[in-house]
Amino acid sequence: MPSSTRAVPVSSAPLAAVRPGGCDEAAAALTAYRRNAGTIRSSQAAAAQQTYRDLMGAGLDAQGAVGAKISRLAAEFQELNFRLTGMTGGDPNQVIADVNTDAAELNRLCGSS
């Protein structure tokens, strides 16, 4: 006895692209930094240290250029923490400029606007 099968209509809507691993976690870490850093040097240093940790975790899920960019951002936040706490010399604003450039590149790699 033949079985009756019904054709399931195929949606014409395209599937959403899958973001590369680590992108969502890195975006959350950067958003948290902006939210938590404040204007006091000590709170900025604490936020930079937490962002470093969060980005290191995000890097575990990332590969290729995305993974390399997340690792670079993590290193920059570690350096920012060092400069803000006086562990190393140098202008923290130089590191912030690098972070902004690399965050924009990460957004591009992850398919964000």
PDB file of N, CA and C in Angstrom:
ATOM      1  N   MET A   1       0.848  -1.159   0.000  1.00  0.00           N
ATOM      2  CA  MET A   1       0.000   0.000   0.000  1.00  0.00           C
ATOM      3  C   MET A   1       0.902   1.233   0.000  1.00  0.00           C
ATOM      4  N   PRO A   2       0.767   2.098  -0.985  1.00  0.00           N
ATOM      5  CA  PRO A   2       1.620   3.285  -1.061  1.00  0.00           C
ATOM      6  C   PRO A   2       1.274   4.271   0.048  1.00  0.00           C
ATOM      7  N   SER A   3       2.313   4.880   0.573  1.00  0.00           N
ATOM      8  CA  SER A   3       2.086   5.882   1.613  1.00  0.00           C
ATOM      9  C   SER A   3       1.871   7.236   0.963  1.00  0.00           C
ATOM     10  N   SER A   4       1.035   7.998   1.571  1.00  0.00           N
ATOM     11  CA  SER A   4       0.793   9.321   1.015  1.00  0.00           C
ATOM     12  C   SER A   4       1.709  10.327   1.715  1.00  0.00           C
ATOM     13  N   THR A   5       2.371  11.103   0.940  1.00  0.00           N
ATOM     14  CA  THR A   5       3.253  12.136   1.490  1.00  0.00           C
ATOM     15  C   THR A   5       2.771  13.479   0.995  1.00  0.00           C
ATOM     16  N   ARG A   6       2.885  14.433   1.846  1.00  0.00           N
ATOM     17  CA  ARG A   6       2.490  15.783   1.479  1.00  0.00           C
ATOM     18  C   ARG A   6       3.741  16.609   1.234  1.00  0.00           C
ATOM     19  N   ALA A   7       3.702  17.376   0.213  1.00  0.00           N
ATOM     20  CA  ALA A   7       4.818  18.277  -0.065  1.00  0.00           C
ATOM     21  C   ALA A   7       4.761  19.439   0.924  1.00  0.00           C
ATOM     22  N   VAL A   8       5.884  19.718   1.510  1.00  0.00           N
ATOM     23  CA  VAL A   8       5.977  20.841   2.438  1.00  0.00           C
ATOM     24  C   VAL A   8       6.388  22.060   1.635  1.00  0.00           C
ATOM     25  N   PRO A   9       5.616  23.136   1.727  1.00  0.00           N
ATOM     26  CA  PRO A   9       5.990  24.324   0.952  1.00  0.00           C
ATOM     27  C   PRO A   9       7.337  24.873   1.415  1.00  0.00           C
ATOM     28  N   VAL A  10       8.131  25.279   0.458  1.00  0.00           N
ATOM     29  CA  VAL A  10       9.450  25.838   0.743  1.00  0.00           C
ATOM     30  C   VAL A  10       9.315  27.351   0.846  1.00  0.00           C
ATOM     31  N   SER A  11       9.807  27.885   1.920  1.00  0.00           N
ATOM     32  CA  SER A  11       9.764  29.326   2.118  1.00  0.00           C
ATOM     33  C   SER A  11      10.756  29.993   1.174  1.00  0.00           C
ATOM     34  N   SER A  12      10.364  31.118   0.640  1.00  0.00           N
ATOM     35  CA  SER A  12      11.266  31.841  -0.256  1.00  0.00           C
ATOM     36  C   SER A  12      12.178  32.803   0.505  1.00  0.00           C
ATOM     37  N   ALA A  13      11.968  32.917   1.806  1.00  0.00           N
ATOM     38  CA  ALA A  13      12.815  33.803   2.605  1.00  0.00           C
ATOM     39  C   ALA A  13      14.203  33.187   2.751  1.00  0.00           C
ATOM     40  N   PRO A  14      15.245  33.982   2.524  1.00  0.00           N
ATOM     41  CA  PRO A  14      16.601  33.437   2.656  1.00  0.00           C
ATOM     42  C   PRO A  14      16.934  33.146   4.117  1.00  0.00           C
ATOM     43  N   LEU A  15      17.773  32.171   4.303  1.00  0.00           N
ATOM     44  CA  LEU A  15      18.251  31.859   5.647  1.00  0.00           C
ATOM     45  C   LEU A  15      19.227  32.936   6.096  1.00  0.00           C
ATOM     46  N   ALA A  16      19.207  33.223   7.360  1.00  0.00           N
ATOM     47  CA  ALA A  16      20.146  34.200   7.909  1.00  0.00           C
ATOM     48  C   ALA A  16      21.544  33.588   7.928  1.00  0.00           C
ATOM     49  N   ALA A  17      22.518  34.394   7.630  1.00  0.00           N
ATOM     50  CA  ALA A  17      23.907  33.936   7.659  1.00  0.00           C
ATOM     51  C   ALA A  17      24.314  33.640   9.097  1.00  0.00           C
ATOM     52  N   VAL A  18      25.133  32.647   9.258  1.00  0.00           N
ATOM     53  CA  VAL A  18      25.653  32.296  10.576  1.00  0.00           C
ATOM     54  C   VAL A  18      26.890  33.149  10.836  1.00  0.00           C
ATOM     55  N   ARG A  19      26.885  33.833  11.961  1.00  0.00           N
ATOM     56  CA  ARG A  19      28.052  34.656  12.304  1.00  0.00           C
ATOM     57  C   ARG A  19      29.197  33.754  12.733  1.00  0.00           C
ATOM     58  N   PRO A  20      30.417  34.147  12.410  1.00  0.00           N
ATOM     59  CA  PRO A  20      31.575  33.348  12.827  1.00  0.00           C
ATOM     60  C   PRO A  20      31.638  33.200  14.345  1.00  0.00           C
ATOM     61  N   GLY A  21      32.189  32.082  14.790  1.00  0.00           N
ATOM     62  CA  GLY A  21      32.342  31.823  16.219  1.00  0.00           C
ATOM     63  C   GLY A  21      33.128  32.919  16.908  1.00  0.00           C
ATOM     64  N   GLY A  22      32.689  33.289  18.081  1.00  0.00           N
ATOM     65  CA  GLY A  22      33.359  34.311  18.872  1.00  0.00           C
ATOM     66  C   GLY A  22      32.829  35.714  18.665  1.00  0.00           C
ATOM     67  N   CYS A  23      32.125  35.944  17.560  1.00  0.00           N
ATOM     68  CA  CYS A  23      31.662  37.304  17.249  1.00  0.00           C
ATOM     69  C   CYS A  23      30.668  37.836  18.271  1.00  0.00           C
ATOM     70  N   ASP A  24      29.670  37.037  18.606  1.00  0.00           N
ATOM     71  CA  ASP A  24      28.657  37.512  19.550  1.00  0.00           C
ATOM     72  C   ASP A  24      29.260  37.753  20.928  1.00  0.00           C
ATOM     73  N   GLU A  25      30.139  36.856  21.360  1.00  0.00           N
ATOM     74  CA  GLU A  25      30.775  37.002  22.665  1.00  0.00           C
ATOM     75  C   GLU A  25      31.672  38.233  22.707  1.00  0.00           C
ATOM     76  N   ALA A  26      32.420  38.463  21.625  1.00  0.00           N
ATOM     77  CA  ALA A  26      33.299  39.633  21.566  1.00  0.00           C
ATOM     78  C   ALA A  26      32.483  40.921  21.553  1.00  0.00           C
ATOM     79  N   ALA A  27      31.397  40.928  20.785  1.00  0.00           N
ATOM     80  CA  ALA A  27      30.534  42.112  20.745  1.00  0.00           C
ATOM     81  C   ALA A  27      29.964  42.404  22.129  1.00  0.00           C
ATOM     82  N   ALA A  28      29.568  41.365  22.847  1.00  0.00           N
ATOM     83  CA  ALA A  28      29.038  41.547  24.204  1.00  0.00           C
ATOM     84  C   ALA A  28      30.115  42.103  25.136  1.00  0.00           C
ATOM     85  N   ALA A  29      31.344  41.623  25.001  1.00  0.00           N
ATOM     86  CA  ALA A  29      32.444  42.105  25.842  1.00  0.00           C
ATOM     87  C   ALA A  29      32.717  43.586  25.583  1.00  0.00           C
ATOM     88  N   LEU A  30      32.719  43.986  24.313  1.00  0.00           N
ATOM     89  CA  LEU A  30      32.979  45.385  23.973  1.00  0.00           C
ATOM     90  C   LEU A  30      31.841  46.285  24.443  1.00  0.00           C
ATOM     91  N   THR A  31      30.616  45.805  24.319  1.00  0.00           N
ATOM     92  CA  THR A  31      29.460  46.568  24.798  1.00  0.00           C
ATOM     93  C   THR A  31      29.523  46.739  26.312  1.00  0.00           C
ATOM     94  N   ALA A  32      29.886  45.679  27.016  1.00  0.00           N
ATOM     95  CA  ALA A  32      29.999  45.748  28.475  1.00  0.00           C
ATOM     96  C   ALA A  32      31.084  46.741  28.884  1.00  0.00           C
ATOM     97  N   TYR A  33      32.198  46.783  28.151  1.00  0.00           N
ATOM     98  CA  TYR A  33      33.250  47.749  28.480  1.00  0.00           C
ATOM     99  C   TYR A  33      32.705  49.170  28.369  1.00  0.00           C
ATOM    100  N   ARG A  34      32.039  49.452  27.250  1.00  0.00           N
ATOM    101  CA  ARG A  34      31.505  50.805  27.052  1.00  0.00           C
ATOM    102  C   ARG A  34      30.516  51.172  28.159  1.00  0.00           C
ATOM    103  N   ARG A  35      29.734  50.207  28.587  1.00  0.00           N
ATOM    104  CA  ARG A  35      28.725  50.441  29.617  1.00  0.00           C
ATOM    105  C   ARG A  35      29.360  50.622  31.001  1.00  0.00           C
ATOM    106  N   ASN A  36      30.422  49.877  31.297  1.00  0.00           N
ATOM    107  CA  ASN A  36      30.962  49.815  32.655  1.00  0.00           C
ATOM    108  C   ASN A  36      32.188  50.677  32.916  1.00  0.00           C
ATOM    109  N   ALA A  37      32.855  51.168  31.875  1.00  0.00           N
ATOM    110  CA  ALA A  37      34.138  51.845  32.071  1.00  0.00           C
ATOM    111  C   ALA A  37      34.018  53.132  32.875  1.00  0.00           C
ATOM    112  N   GLY A  38      32.999  53.913  32.628  1.00  0.00           N
ATOM    113  CA  GLY A  38      32.851  55.169  33.352  1.00  0.00           C
ATOM    114  C   GLY A  38      33.937  56.165  32.993  1.00  0.00           C
ATOM    115  N   THR A  39      34.142  57.127  33.876  1.00  0.00           N
ATOM    116  CA  THR A  39      35.111  58.195  33.616  1.00  0.00           C
ATOM    117  C   THR A  39      36.269  58.194  34.601  1.00  0.00           C
ATOM    118  N   ILE A  40      36.201  57.360  35.619  1.00  0.00           N
ATOM    119  CA  ILE A  40      37.267  57.291  36.624  1.00  0.00           C
ATOM    120  C   ILE A  40      38.286  56.243  36.188  1.00  0.00           C
ATOM    121  N   ARG A  41      39.546  56.606  36.285  1.00  0.00           N
ATOM    122  CA  ARG A  41      40.634  55.744  35.809  1.00  0.00           C
ATOM    123  C   ARG A  41      40.571  54.334  36.391  1.00  0.00           C
ATOM    124  N   SER A  42      40.265  54.218  37.687  1.00  0.00           N
ATOM    125  CA  SER A  42      40.235  52.892  38.312  1.00  0.00           C
ATOM    126  C   SER A  42      39.090  52.038  37.766  1.00  0.00           C
ATOM    127  N   SER A  43      37.946  52.652  37.490  1.00  0.00           N
ATOM    128  CA  SER A  43      36.838  51.874  36.926  1.00  0.00           C
ATOM    129  C   SER A  43      37.127  51.504  35.476  1.00  0.00           C
ATOM    130  N   GLN A  44      37.824  52.371  34.757  1.00  0.00           N
ATOM    131  CA  GLN A  44      38.222  52.044  33.387  1.00  0.00           C
ATOM    132  C   GLN A  44      39.200  50.876  33.381  1.00  0.00           C
ATOM    133  N   ALA A  45      40.129  50.877  34.330  1.00  0.00           N
ATOM    134  CA  ALA A  45      41.105  49.784  34.423  1.00  0.00           C
ATOM    135  C   ALA A  45      40.413  48.467  34.754  1.00  0.00           C
ATOM    136  N   ALA A  46      39.477  48.502  35.696  1.00  0.00           N
ATOM    137  CA  ALA A  46      38.750  47.282  36.063  1.00  0.00           C
ATOM    138  C   ALA A  46      37.928  46.769  34.884  1.00  0.00           C
ATOM    139  N   ALA A  47      37.280  47.678  34.168  1.00  0.00           N
ATOM    140  CA  ALA A  47      36.492  47.280  32.999  1.00  0.00           C
ATOM    141  C   ALA A  47      37.395  46.722  31.902  1.00  0.00           C
ATOM    142  N   ALA A  48      38.574  47.313  31.727  1.00  0.00           N
ATOM    143  CA  ALA A  48      39.517  46.810  30.722  1.00  0.00           C
ATOM    144  C   ALA A  48      39.988  45.404  31.075  1.00  0.00           C
ATOM    145  N   GLN A  49      40.248  45.155  32.356  1.00  0.00           N
ATOM    146  CA  GLN A  49      40.684  43.827  32.786  1.00  0.00           C
ATOM    147  C   GLN A  49      39.586  42.793  32.551  1.00  0.00           C
ATOM    148  N   GLN A  50      38.336  43.150  32.862  1.00  0.00           N
ATOM    149  CA  GLN A  50      37.230  42.220  32.637  1.00  0.00           C
ATOM    150  C   GLN A  50      37.029  41.964  31.145  1.00  0.00           C
ATOM    151  N   THR A  51      37.179  43.008  30.343  1.00  0.00           N
ATOM    152  CA  THR A  51      37.031  42.855  28.897  1.00  0.00           C
ATOM    153  C   THR A  51      38.126  41.958  28.342  1.00  0.00           C
ATOM    154  N   TYR A  52      39.334  42.099  28.852  1.00  0.00           N
ATOM    155  CA  TYR A  52      40.426  41.199  28.461  1.00  0.00           C
ATOM    156  C   TYR A  52      40.022  39.749  28.717  1.00  0.00           C
ATOM    157  N   ARG A  53      39.520  39.469  29.910  1.00  0.00           N
ATOM    158  CA  ARG A  53      39.112  38.094  30.253  1.00  0.00           C
ATOM    159  C   ARG A  53      37.989  37.602  29.337  1.00  0.00           C
ATOM    160  N   ASP A  54      36.999  38.468  29.116  1.00  0.00           N
ATOM    161  CA  ASP A  54      35.863  38.082  28.276  1.00  0.00           C
ATOM    162  C   ASP A  54      36.298  37.820  26.834  1.00  0.00           C
ATOM    163  N   LEU A  55      37.212  38.645  26.331  1.00  0.00           N
ATOM    164  CA  LEU A  55      37.692  38.446  24.961  1.00  0.00           C
ATOM    165  C   LEU A  55      38.539  37.183  24.844  1.00  0.00           C
ATOM    166  N   MET A  56      39.297  36.872  25.874  1.00  0.00           N
ATOM    167  CA  MET A  56      40.062  35.617  25.846  1.00  0.00           C
ATOM    168  C   MET A  56      39.108  34.433  25.746  1.00  0.00           C
ATOM    169  N   GLY A  57      37.992  34.492  26.445  1.00  0.00           N
ATOM    170  CA  GLY A  57      36.980  33.446  26.345  1.00  0.00           C
ATOM    171  C   GLY A  57      36.338  33.410  24.973  1.00  0.00           C
ATOM    172  N   ALA A  58      36.046  34.581  24.416  1.00  0.00           N
ATOM    173  CA  ALA A  58      35.442  34.652  23.082  1.00  0.00           C
ATOM    174  C   ALA A  58      36.382  34.072  22.033  1.00  0.00           C
ATOM    175  N   GLY A  59      37.667  34.270  22.226  1.00  0.00           N
ATOM    176  CA  GLY A  59      38.650  33.764  21.272  1.00  0.00           C
ATOM    177  C   GLY A  59      38.688  32.254  21.190  1.00  0.00           C
ATOM    178  N   LEU A  60      38.218  31.579  22.225  1.00  0.00           N
ATOM    179  CA  LEU A  60      38.212  30.110  22.211  1.00  0.00           C
ATOM    180  C   LEU A  60      37.273  29.555  21.152  1.00  0.00           C
ATOM    181  N   ASP A  61      36.224  30.302  20.821  1.00  0.00           N
ATOM    182  CA  ASP A  61      35.246  29.860  19.828  1.00  0.00           C
ATOM    183  C   ASP A  61      35.561  30.374  18.427  1.00  0.00           C
ATOM    184  N   ALA A  62      36.579  31.190  18.303  1.00  0.00           N
ATOM    185  CA  ALA A  62      36.861  31.859  17.034  1.00  0.00           C
ATOM    186  C   ALA A  62      38.003  31.186  16.281  1.00  0.00           C
ATOM    187  N   GLN A  63      37.979  31.374  14.968  1.00  0.00           N
ATOM    188  CA  GLN A  63      39.022  30.815  14.113  1.00  0.00           C
ATOM    189  C   GLN A  63      39.456  31.854  13.089  1.00  0.00           C
ATOM    190  N   GLY A  64      40.586  31.606  12.483  1.00  0.00           N
ATOM    191  CA  GLY A  64      41.061  32.420  11.372  1.00  0.00           C
ATOM    192  C   GLY A  64      41.230  33.881  11.723  1.00  0.00           C
ATOM    193  N   ALA A  65      40.825  34.743  10.770  1.00  0.00           N
ATOM    194  CA  ALA A  65      40.999  36.182  10.939  1.00  0.00           C
ATOM    195  C   ALA A  65      40.199  36.715  12.124  1.00  0.00           C
ATOM    196  N   VAL A  66      39.022  36.144  12.359  1.00  0.00           N
ATOM    197  CA  VAL A  66      38.207  36.580  13.497  1.00  0.00           C
ATOM    198  C   VAL A  66      38.924  36.255  14.804  1.00  0.00           C
ATOM    199  N   GLY A  67      39.448  35.050  14.915  1.00  0.00           N
ATOM    200  CA  GLY A  67      40.179  34.659  16.118  1.00  0.00           C
ATOM    201  C   GLY A  67      41.396  35.531  16.352  1.00  0.00           C
ATOM    202  N   ALA A  68      42.117  35.835  15.275  1.00  0.00           N
ATOM    203  CA  ALA A  68      43.302  36.687  15.392  1.00  0.00           C
ATOM    204  C   ALA A  68      42.923  38.092  15.850  1.00  0.00           C
ATOM    205  N   LYS A  69      41.824  38.616  15.321  1.00  0.00           N
ATOM    206  CA  LYS A  69      41.397  39.971  15.694  1.00  0.00           C
ATOM    207  C   LYS A  69      40.922  40.015  17.144  1.00  0.00           C
ATOM    208  N   ILE A  70      40.208  38.978  17.585  1.00  0.00           N
ATOM    209  CA  ILE A  70      39.764  38.929  18.983  1.00  0.00           C
ATOM    210  C   ILE A  70      40.972  38.832  19.913  1.00  0.00           C
ATOM    211  N   SER A  71      41.960  38.034  19.542  1.00  0.00           N
ATOM    212  CA  SER A  71      43.181  37.921  20.357  1.00  0.00           C
ATOM    213  C   SER A  71      43.911  39.251  20.434  1.00  0.00           C
ATOM    214  N   ARG A  72      43.959  39.959  19.320  1.00  0.00           N
ATOM    215  CA  ARG A  72      44.611  41.270  19.299  1.00  0.00           C
ATOM    216  C   ARG A  72      43.869  42.250  20.214  1.00  0.00           C
ATOM    217  N   LEU A  73      42.534  42.244  20.125  1.00  0.00           N
ATOM    218  CA  LEU A  73      41.750  43.115  20.998  1.00  0.00           C
ATOM    219  C   LEU A  73      41.966  42.769  22.468  1.00  0.00           C
ATOM    220  N   ALA A  74      42.033  41.485  22.778  1.00  0.00           N
ATOM    221  CA  ALA A  74      42.282  41.067  24.163  1.00  0.00           C
ATOM    222  C   ALA A  74      43.616  41.625  24.645  1.00  0.00           C
ATOM    223  N   ALA A  75      44.647  41.511  23.817  1.00  0.00           N
ATOM    224  CA  ALA A  75      45.965  42.036  24.186  1.00  0.00           C
ATOM    225  C   ALA A  75      45.919  43.550  24.370  1.00  0.00           C
ATOM    226  N   GLU A  76      45.140  44.236  23.535  1.00  0.00           N
ATOM    227  CA  GLU A  76      45.026  45.688  23.666  1.00  0.00           C
ATOM    228  C   GLU A  76      44.326  46.071  24.972  1.00  0.00           C
ATOM    229  N   PHE A  77      43.306  45.330  25.354  1.00  0.00           N
ATOM    230  CA  PHE A  77      42.644  45.634  26.624  1.00  0.00           C
ATOM    231  C   PHE A  77      43.548  45.327  27.810  1.00  0.00           C
ATOM    232  N   GLN A  78      44.376  44.303  27.697  1.00  0.00           N
ATOM    233  CA  GLN A  78      45.342  44.031  28.755  1.00  0.00           C
ATOM    234  C   GLN A  78      46.331  45.196  28.858  1.00  0.00           C
ATOM    235  N   GLU A  79      46.818  45.667  27.714  1.00  0.00           N
ATOM    236  CA  GLU A  79      47.735  46.809  27.695  1.00  0.00           C
ATOM    237  C   GLU A  79      47.049  48.060  28.245  1.00  0.00           C
ATOM    238  N   LEU A  80      45.786  48.260  27.897  1.00  0.00           N
ATOM    239  CA  LEU A  80      45.045  49.411  28.416  1.00  0.00           C
ATOM    240  C   LEU A  80      44.968  49.347  29.938  1.00  0.00           C
ATOM    241  N   ASN A  81      44.675  48.186  30.473  1.00  0.00           N
ATOM    242  CA  ASN A  81      44.644  48.013  31.927  1.00  0.00           C
ATOM    243  C   ASN A  81      46.006  48.346  32.534  1.00  0.00           C
ATOM    244  N   PHE A  82      47.072  47.849  31.925  1.00  0.00           N
ATOM    245  CA  PHE A  82      48.419  48.120  32.438  1.00  0.00           C
ATOM    246  C   PHE A  82      48.710  49.616  32.452  1.00  0.00           C
ATOM    247  N   ARG A  83      48.340  50.307  31.384  1.00  0.00           N
ATOM    248  CA  ARG A  83      48.611  51.745  31.320  1.00  0.00           C
ATOM    249  C   ARG A  83      47.752  52.522  32.312  1.00  0.00           C
ATOM    250  N   LEU A  84      46.503  52.119  32.459  1.00  0.00           N
ATOM    251  CA  LEU A  84      45.614  52.830  33.385  1.00  0.00           C
ATOM    252  C   LEU A  84      46.017  52.632  34.841  1.00  0.00           C
ATOM    253  N   THR A  85      46.603  51.492  35.152  1.00  0.00           N
ATOM    254  CA  THR A  85      47.014  51.222  36.536  1.00  0.00           C
ATOM    255  C   THR A  85      48.447  51.652  36.808  1.00  0.00           C
ATOM    256  N   GLY A  86      49.168  52.117  35.796  1.00  0.00           N
ATOM    257  CA  GLY A  86      50.539  52.558  35.976  1.00  0.00           C
ATOM    258  C   GLY A  86      51.568  51.444  35.932  1.00  0.00           C
ATOM    259  N   MET A  87      51.149  50.238  35.563  1.00  0.00           N
ATOM    260  CA  MET A  87      52.111  49.125  35.467  1.00  0.00           C
ATOM    261  C   MET A  87      53.099  49.344  34.327  1.00  0.00           C
ATOM    262  N   THR A  88      52.664  50.037  33.285  1.00  0.00           N
ATOM    263  CA  THR A  88      53.544  50.416  32.186  1.00  0.00           C
ATOM    264  C   THR A  88      53.260  51.868  31.847  1.00  0.00           C
ATOM    265  N   GLY A  89      54.231  52.496  31.227  1.00  0.00           N
ATOM    266  CA  GLY A  89      54.057  53.879  30.828  1.00  0.00           C
ATOM    267  C   GLY A  89      53.339  53.965  29.494  1.00  0.00           C
ATOM    268  N   GLY A  90      53.002  55.159  29.133  1.00  0.00           N
ATOM    269  CA  GLY A  90      52.369  55.388  27.843  1.00  0.00           C
ATOM    270  C   GLY A  90      50.967  55.940  27.996  1.00  0.00           C
ATOM    271  N   ASP A  91      50.505  56.508  26.919  1.00  0.00           N
ATOM    272  CA  ASP A  91      49.199  57.149  26.884  1.00  0.00           C
ATOM    273  C   ASP A  91      48.108  56.112  26.634  1.00  0.00           C
ATOM    274  N   PRO A  92      47.156  55.963  27.538  1.00  0.00           N
ATOM    275  CA  PRO A  92      46.063  55.017  27.313  1.00  0.00           C
ATOM    276  C   PRO A  92      45.258  55.331  26.051  1.00  0.00           C
ATOM    277  N   ASN A  93      45.225  56.612  25.668  1.00  0.00           N
ATOM    278  CA  ASN A  93      44.459  56.991  24.482  1.00  0.00           C
ATOM    279  C   ASN A  93      45.027  56.390  23.201  1.00  0.00           C
ATOM    280  N   GLN A  94      46.328  56.109  23.186  1.00  0.00           N
ATOM    281  CA  GLN A  94      46.914  55.421  22.027  1.00  0.00           C
ATOM    282  C   GLN A  94      46.328  54.023  21.898  1.00  0.00           C
ATOM    283  N   VAL A  95      46.178  53.343  23.020  1.00  0.00           N
ATOM    284  CA  VAL A  95      45.610  51.994  23.009  1.00  0.00           C
ATOM    285  C   VAL A  95      44.134  52.056  22.628  1.00  0.00           C
ATOM    286  N   ILE A  96      43.428  53.050  23.148  1.00  0.00           N
ATOM    287  CA  ILE A  96      42.008  53.194  22.826  1.00  0.00           C
ATOM    288  C   ILE A  96      41.820  53.407  21.329  1.00  0.00           C
ATOM    289  N   ALA A  97      42.702  54.178  20.703  1.00  0.00           N
ATOM    290  CA  ALA A  97      42.625  54.368  19.253  1.00  0.00           C
ATOM    291  C   ALA A  97      42.807  53.040  18.521  1.00  0.00           C
ATOM    292  N   ASP A  98      43.755  52.224  18.981  1.00  0.00           N
ATOM    293  CA  ASP A  98      43.959  50.900  18.379  1.00  0.00           C
ATOM    294  C   ASP A  98      42.735  50.014  18.580  1.00  0.00           C
ATOM    295  N   VAL A  99      42.158  50.061  19.781  1.00  0.00           N
ATOM    296  CA  VAL A  99      40.955  49.269  20.069  1.00  0.00           C
ATOM    297  C   VAL A  99      39.830  49.668  19.121  1.00  0.00           C
ATOM    298  N   ASN A 100      39.622  50.960  18.950  1.00  0.00           N
ATOM    299  CA  ASN A 100      38.544  51.420  18.074  1.00  0.00           C
ATOM    300  C   ASN A 100      38.740  50.943  16.644  1.00  0.00           C
ATOM    301  N   THR A 101      39.970  51.002  16.155  1.00  0.00           N
ATOM    302  CA  THR A 101      40.271  50.526  14.801  1.00  0.00           C
ATOM    303  C   THR A 101      40.021  49.029  14.687  1.00  0.00           C
ATOM    304  N   ASP A 102      40.515  48.263  15.652  1.00  0.00           N
ATOM    305  CA  ASP A 102      40.367  46.808  15.593  1.00  0.00           C
ATOM    306  C   ASP A 102      38.927  46.367  15.832  1.00  0.00           C
ATOM    307  N   ALA A 103      38.182  47.096  16.658  1.00  0.00           N
ATOM    308  CA  ALA A 103      36.769  46.765  16.875  1.00  0.00           C
ATOM    309  C   ALA A 103      35.973  46.975  15.587  1.00  0.00           C
ATOM    310  N   ALA A 104      36.283  48.040  14.853  1.00  0.00           N
ATOM    311  CA  ALA A 104      35.605  48.274  13.575  1.00  0.00           C
ATOM    312  C   ALA A 104      35.928  47.160  12.585  1.00  0.00           C
ATOM    313  N   GLU A 105      37.171  46.723  12.557  1.00  0.00           N
ATOM    314  CA  GLU A 105      37.569  45.626  11.672  1.00  0.00           C
ATOM    315  C   GLU A 105      36.885  44.322  12.087  1.00  0.00           C
ATOM    316  N   LEU A 106      36.783  44.074  13.389  1.00  0.00           N
ATOM    317  CA  LEU A 106      36.087  42.873  13.855  1.00  0.00           C
ATOM    318  C   LEU A 106      34.621  42.910  13.433  1.00  0.00           C
ATOM    319  N   ASN A 107      33.988  44.063  13.553  1.00  0.00           N
ATOM    320  CA  ASN A 107      32.599  44.190  13.102  1.00  0.00           C
ATOM    321  C   ASN A 107      32.473  43.839  11.628  1.00  0.00           C
ATOM    322  N   ARG A 108      33.430  44.277  10.830  1.00  0.00           N
ATOM    323  CA  ARG A 108      33.406  43.960   9.401  1.00  0.00           C
ATOM    324  C   ARG A 108      33.567  42.460   9.182  1.00  0.00           C
ATOM    325  N   LEU A 109      34.519  41.853   9.885  1.00  0.00           N
ATOM    326  CA  LEU A 109      34.759  40.416   9.738  1.00  0.00           C
ATOM    327  C   LEU A 109      33.558  39.584  10.185  1.00  0.00           C
ATOM    328  N   CYS A 110      32.844  40.093  11.177  1.00  0.00           N
ATOM    329  CA  CYS A 110      31.698  39.362  11.726  1.00  0.00           C
ATOM    330  C   CYS A 110      30.406  39.640  10.964  1.00  0.00           C
ATOM    331  N   GLY A 111      30.467  40.543  10.013  1.00  0.00           N
ATOM    332  CA  GLY A 111      29.273  40.834   9.234  1.00  0.00           C
ATOM    333  C   GLY A 111      28.342  41.817   9.898  1.00  0.00           C
ATOM    334  N   SER A 112      28.876  42.638  10.810  1.00  0.00           N
ATOM    335  CA  SER A 112      28.069  43.664  11.476  1.00  0.00           C
ATOM    336  C   SER A 112      28.190  44.957  10.698  1.00  0.00           C
ATOM    337  N   SER A 113      27.225  45.799  10.921  1.00  0.00           N
ATOM    338  CA  SER A 113      27.287  47.096  10.244  1.00  0.00           C
ATOM    339  C   SER A 113      28.062  48.093  11.066  1.00  0.00           C
TER     340      SER A 113
END
